């Protein structure tokens, strides 16, 4: 039996919104940096810096986090 979970989609127009959406979903799911590090292959230190707002993640890093949180990221051009 195959179970598929629907991913929640979030529209993003800036790096700040991206980190905010990831942080909100992480808190909602009550996932620790330790667990997220295991799921993403990132270090706990890197995750701490990202979620504290001290480091802006590369898009590849943000997508790893989003995938681990089962969060679909929709990038929008804010100049529309």
Protein backbone atom coordinates (compact mmCIF):
# COMPACT_ATOMS: atom_id res chain seq x y z
CA UNK A 1 0.00 0.00 0.00
CA UNK A 2 1.37 3.38 -1.00
CA UNK A 3 0.38 6.43 0.99
CA UNK A 4 0.97 9.87 -0.50
CA UNK A 5 0.89 13.00 1.60
CA UNK A 6 -0.22 16.21 -0.03
CA UNK A 7 2.39 18.92 0.29
CA UNK A 8 1.35 22.30 1.59
CA UNK A 9 2.20 25.08 -0.91
CA UNK A 10 3.54 28.48 0.11
CA UNK A 11 4.04 31.45 -2.23
CA UNK A 12 7.33 33.27 -1.70
CA UNK A 13 8.48 36.63 -3.08
CA UNK A 14 11.54 37.29 -0.89
CA UNK A 15 14.29 35.51 1.04
CA UNK A 16 12.80 36.77 4.32
CA UNK A 17 9.43 35.25 3.43
CA UNK A 18 11.13 31.99 2.55
CA UNK A 19 12.90 31.66 5.90
CA UNK A 20 9.75 32.77 7.71
CA UNK A 21 7.65 30.10 5.94
CA UNK A 22 10.20 27.39 6.69
CA UNK A 23 10.45 28.44 10.34
CA UNK A 24 6.67 28.57 10.74
CA UNK A 25 6.24 25.09 9.25
CA UNK A 26 9.10 23.71 11.39
CA UNK A 27 7.42 25.06 14.52
CA UNK A 28 3.99 23.82 13.41
CA UNK A 29 5.38 20.31 12.98
CA UNK A 30 7.37 20.59 16.23
CA UNK A 31 10.56 19.38 14.52
CA UNK A 32 13.86 19.99 16.27
CA UNK A 33 17.01 21.19 14.53
CA UNK A 34 18.53 17.81 15.41
CA UNK A 35 15.77 15.94 13.56
CA UNK A 36 15.79 18.38 10.64
CA UNK A 37 19.58 18.01 10.38
CA UNK A 38 19.16 14.24 10.09
CA UNK A 39 16.48 14.64 7.41
CA UNK A 40 18.39 17.22 5.32
CA UNK A 41 22.06 16.38 5.83
CA UNK A 42 22.65 19.94 7.05
CA UNK A 43 24.32 20.70 10.37
CA UNK A 44 22.37 21.79 13.43
CA UNK A 45 24.55 24.91 13.51
CA UNK A 46 23.64 25.88 9.96
CA UNK A 47 19.93 25.36 10.70
CA UNK A 48 20.20 27.42 13.88
CA UNK A 49 21.79 30.30 11.97
CA UNK A 50 19.14 30.14 9.23
CA UNK A 51 16.19 30.07 11.64
CA UNK A 52 17.69 32.81 13.83
CA UNK A 53 17.92 35.04 10.76
CA UNK A 54 21.72 35.21 10.88
CA UNK A 55 22.19 33.42 7.56
CA UNK A 56 20.19 33.43 4.33
CA UNK A 57 20.10 29.92 2.88
CA UNK A 58 21.11 29.14 -0.68
CA UNK A 59 18.09 28.04 -2.74
CA UNK A 60 19.35 24.43 -2.76
CA UNK A 61 19.54 24.47 1.04
CA UNK A 62 16.09 26.02 1.37
CA UNK A 63 14.66 23.36 -0.93
CA UNK A 64 16.24 20.58 1.16
CA UNK A 65 14.57 22.03 4.26
CA UNK A 66 11.25 22.46 2.46
CA UNK A 67 11.35 18.88 1.19
CA UNK A 68 12.05 17.55 4.68
CA UNK A 69 9.08 19.58 5.98
CA UNK A 70 6.92 18.42 3.04
CA UNK A 71 6.47 22.04 2.05
CA UNK A 72 6.17 23.04 -1.61
CA UNK A 73 7.77 26.40 -2.38
CA UNK A 74 6.26 28.56 -5.14
CA UNK A 75 8.56 31.40 -6.13
CA UNK A 76 6.81 34.48 -7.48
CA UNK A 77 8.24 37.52 -9.17
CA UNK A 78 7.41 40.46 -6.93
CA UNK A 79 7.66 42.81 -9.93
CA UNK A 80 4.48 41.46 -11.50
